[in-house]
C-alpha cells in the first residue's frame, strides 16, 4: 500500500520542508529559486480551487507568487498545483508536480 498524501497543514509543511532540504542548490540560479520560494511560503490554509469543467475542490494554499499566481496543494491527488487568481478564486492552470517546480515555472 502506498504512502498516504498529507491532509493537514502540519503534514504539508513537513512535506515542503523535506523538499527544500532535498533540492539541489548547486548553482546561483537554484539558490535564488529556493530563496524566492521560501520567501513566498505562507501558512497553509484551506481554499476552494476552481478546475476546468466547473469542478471545485478544497485544497491548501501554501505560497503566493507575484500576485497573479498561487501555489496550492491538492490532497486528493498528492501533488502541488499552480493556480492563477480570478474573480472566483484560485483557478488551476494545469501545472502540477513538486512544490518548487510548480512555483518556479513562472
C-alpha atoms as a PDB file:
ATOM      1  CA  UNK A   1       0.000   0.000   0.000  1.00  0.00           C
ATOM      2  CA  UNK A   2       1.327   3.466  -0.956  1.00  0.00           C
ATOM      3  CA  UNK A   3       2.065   6.337   1.358  1.00  0.00           C
ATOM      4  CA  UNK A   4      -0.965   8.442   2.256  1.00  0.00           C
ATOM      5  CA  UNK A   5      -0.962  12.032   0.984  1.00  0.00           C
ATOM      6  CA  UNK A   6      -0.728  14.774   3.635  1.00  0.00           C
ATOM      7  CA  UNK A   7      -4.067  16.303   4.531  1.00  0.00           C
ATOM      8  CA  UNK A   8      -3.267  18.690   7.380  1.00  0.00           C
ATOM      9  CA  UNK A   9      -1.321  21.942   7.497  1.00  0.00           C
ATOM     10  CA  UNK A  10       1.417  20.421   9.681  1.00  0.00           C
ATOM     11  CA  UNK A  11       1.900  17.464   7.336  1.00  0.00           C
ATOM     12  CA  UNK A  12       2.049  19.756   4.294  1.00  0.00           C
ATOM     13  CA  UNK A  13       4.654  21.972   5.996  1.00  0.00           C
ATOM     14  CA  UNK A  14       6.729  18.854   6.709  1.00  0.00           C
ATOM     15  CA  UNK A  15       6.433  17.785   3.064  1.00  0.00           C
ATOM     16  CA  UNK A  16       7.582  21.227   1.873  1.00  0.00           C
ATOM     17  CA  UNK A  17      10.485  21.327   4.361  1.00  0.00           C
ATOM     18  CA  UNK A  18      11.694  17.943   3.098  1.00  0.00           C
ATOM     19  CA  UNK A  19      11.508  19.149  -0.497  1.00  0.00           C
ATOM     20  CA  UNK A  20      13.522  22.280   0.344  1.00  0.00           C
ATOM     21  CA  UNK A  21      16.154  20.207   2.163  1.00  0.00           C
ATOM     22  CA  UNK A  22      16.496  17.825  -0.791  1.00  0.00           C
ATOM     23  CA  UNK A  23      16.545  20.489  -3.516  1.00  0.00           C
ATOM     24  CA  UNK A  24      19.951  20.672  -5.234  1.00  0.00           C
ATOM     25  CA  UNK A  25      21.356  24.182  -4.801  1.00  0.00           C
ATOM     26  CA  UNK A  26      24.428  23.642  -6.917  1.00  0.00           C
ATOM     27  CA  UNK A  27      24.086  26.873  -8.874  1.00  0.00           C
ATOM     28  CA  UNK A  28      23.361  30.515  -8.185  1.00  0.00           C
ATOM     29  CA  UNK A  29      20.041  30.205 -10.033  1.00  0.00           C
ATOM     30  CA  UNK A  30      18.973  27.200  -7.930  1.00  0.00           C
ATOM     31  CA  UNK A  31      19.846  29.023  -4.700  1.00  0.00           C
ATOM     32  CA  UNK A  32      17.852  32.064  -5.840  1.00  0.00           C
ATOM     33  CA  UNK A  33      14.872  29.838  -6.722  1.00  0.00           C
ATOM     34  CA  UNK A  34      14.843  28.211  -3.284  1.00  0.00           C
ATOM     35  CA  UNK A  35      15.220  31.569  -1.516  1.00  0.00           C
ATOM     36  CA  UNK A  36      12.339  33.073  -3.527  1.00  0.00           C
ATOM     37  CA  UNK A  37      10.231  30.008  -2.799  1.00  0.00           C
ATOM     38  CA  UNK A  38      10.921  30.218   0.946  1.00  0.00           C
ATOM     39  CA  UNK A  39      10.180  33.959   0.970  1.00  0.00           C
ATOM     40  CA  UNK A  40       6.756  33.365  -0.593  1.00  0.00           C
ATOM     41  CA  UNK A  41       5.641  30.473   1.610  1.00  0.00           C
ATOM     42  CA  UNK A  42       2.548  31.109   3.681  1.00  0.00           C
ATOM     43  CA  UNK A  43       0.904  29.200   6.485  1.00  0.00           C
ATOM     44  CA  UNK A  44      -1.168  26.514   4.709  1.00  0.00           C
ATOM     45  CA  UNK A  45      -4.875  27.330   4.675  1.00  0.00           C
ATOM     46  CA  UNK A  46      -7.869  25.683   3.101  1.00  0.00           C
ATOM     47  CA  UNK A  47      -9.253  27.345  -0.040  1.00  0.00           C
ATOM     48  CA  UNK A  48     -11.722  26.353  -2.710  1.00  0.00           C
ATOM     49  CA  UNK A  49      -9.966  25.891  -6.054  1.00  0.00           C
ATOM     50  CA  UNK A  50     -11.710  26.008  -9.424  1.00  0.00           C
ATOM     51  CA  UNK A  51     -10.851  23.400 -12.051  1.00  0.00           C
ATOM     52  CA  UNK A  52     -11.896  23.127 -15.697  1.00  0.00           C
ATOM     53  CA  UNK A  53     -15.388  21.816 -16.228  1.00  0.00           C
ATOM     54  CA  UNK A  54     -16.802  23.789 -13.296  1.00  0.00           C
ATOM     55  CA  UNK A  55     -15.335  21.441 -10.681  1.00  0.00           C
ATOM     56  CA  UNK A  56     -14.310  22.863  -7.313  1.00  0.00           C
ATOM     57  CA  UNK A  57     -12.241  21.212  -4.618  1.00  0.00           C
ATOM     58  CA  UNK A  58     -10.930  22.104  -1.164  1.00  0.00           C
ATOM     59  CA  UNK A  59      -7.142  22.435  -1.364  1.00  0.00           C
ATOM     60  CA  UNK A  60      -4.370  24.020   0.690  1.00  0.00           C
ATOM     61  CA  UNK A  61      -2.938  27.393  -0.330  1.00  0.00           C
ATOM     62  CA  UNK A  62       0.780  27.310   0.552  1.00  0.00           C
ATOM     63  CA  UNK A  63       2.567  30.133  -1.303  1.00  0.00           C
ATOM     64  CA  UNK A  64       1.970  33.331  -3.176  1.00  0.00           C
ATOM     65  CA  UNK A  65       3.875  34.262  -6.289  1.00  0.00           C
ATOM     66  CA  UNK A  66       3.939  37.643  -7.973  1.00  0.00           C
ATOM     67  CA  UNK A  67       0.310  38.468  -7.168  1.00  0.00           C
ATOM     68  CA  UNK A  68      -1.144  36.690 -10.193  1.00  0.00           C
ATOM     69  CA  UNK A  69      -0.310  33.136  -9.123  1.00  0.00           C
ATOM     70  CA  UNK A  70      -0.800  30.957  -6.077  1.00  0.00           C
ATOM     71  CA  UNK A  71       0.738  27.589  -5.206  1.00  0.00           C
ATOM     72  CA  UNK A  72      -1.707  25.099  -3.772  1.00  0.00           C
ATOM     73  CA  UNK A  73      -1.553  21.511  -2.561  1.00  0.00           C
ATOM     74  CA  UNK A  74      -4.185  19.032  -3.784  1.00  0.00           C
ATOM     75  CA  UNK A  75      -4.627  16.466  -1.018  1.00  0.00           C
ATOM     76  CA  UNK A  76      -6.732  14.117  -3.177  1.00  0.00           C
ATOM     77  CA  UNK A  77      -4.009  13.996  -5.844  1.00  0.00           C
ATOM     78  CA  UNK A  78      -0.972  14.226  -3.558  1.00  0.00           C
ATOM     79  CA  UNK A  79       0.824  16.946  -5.516  1.00  0.00           C
ATOM     80  CA  UNK A  80       1.106  20.717  -5.883  1.00  0.00           C
ATOM     81  CA  UNK A  81      -0.537  22.912  -8.496  1.00  0.00           C
ATOM     82  CA  UNK A  82      -0.053  26.413  -9.797  1.00  0.00           C
ATOM     83  CA  UNK A  83      -3.218  28.492  -9.893  1.00  0.00           C
ATOM     84  CA  UNK A  84      -3.981  31.891 -11.332  1.00  0.00           C
ATOM     85  CA  UNK A  85      -6.040  34.328  -9.294  1.00  0.00           C
ATOM     86  CA  UNK A  86      -9.503  35.019 -10.702  1.00  0.00           C
ATOM     87  CA  UNK A  87     -12.676  36.817  -9.664  1.00  0.00           C
ATOM     88  CA  UNK A  88     -13.948  33.421  -8.488  1.00  0.00           C
ATOM     89  CA  UNK A  89     -10.860  32.416  -6.503  1.00  0.00           C
ATOM     90  CA  UNK A  90      -7.819  30.356  -7.496  1.00  0.00           C
ATOM     91  CA  UNK A  91      -8.105  28.666 -10.898  1.00  0.00           C
ATOM     92  CA  UNK A  92      -5.979  25.591 -11.633  1.00  0.00           C
ATOM     93  CA  UNK A  93      -3.890  26.130 -14.792  1.00  0.00           C
ATOM     94  CA  UNK A  94      -2.639  22.565 -15.185  1.00  0.00           C
ATOM     95  CA  UNK A  95       0.903  22.988 -13.847  1.00  0.00           C
ATOM     96  CA  UNK A  96       1.260  20.085 -11.402  1.00  0.00           C
ATOM     97  CA  UNK A  97       4.107  18.374  -9.569  1.00  0.00           C
ATOM     98  CA  UNK A  98       6.525  19.189  -6.774  1.00  0.00           C
ATOM     99  CA  UNK A  99       6.198  22.493  -4.902  1.00  0.00           C
ATOM    100  CA  UNK A 100       9.424  24.182  -6.036  1.00  0.00           C
ATOM    101  CA  UNK A 101       8.988  23.038  -9.635  1.00  0.00           C
ATOM    102  CA  UNK A 102       5.477  24.453  -9.864  1.00  0.00           C
ATOM    103  CA  UNK A 103       6.487  27.669  -8.097  1.00  0.00           C
ATOM    104  CA  UNK A 104       9.482  28.229 -10.365  1.00  0.00           C
ATOM    105  CA  UNK A 105       7.580  27.585 -13.595  1.00  0.00           C
ATOM    106  CA  UNK A 106       6.539  31.238 -13.845  1.00  0.00           C
END
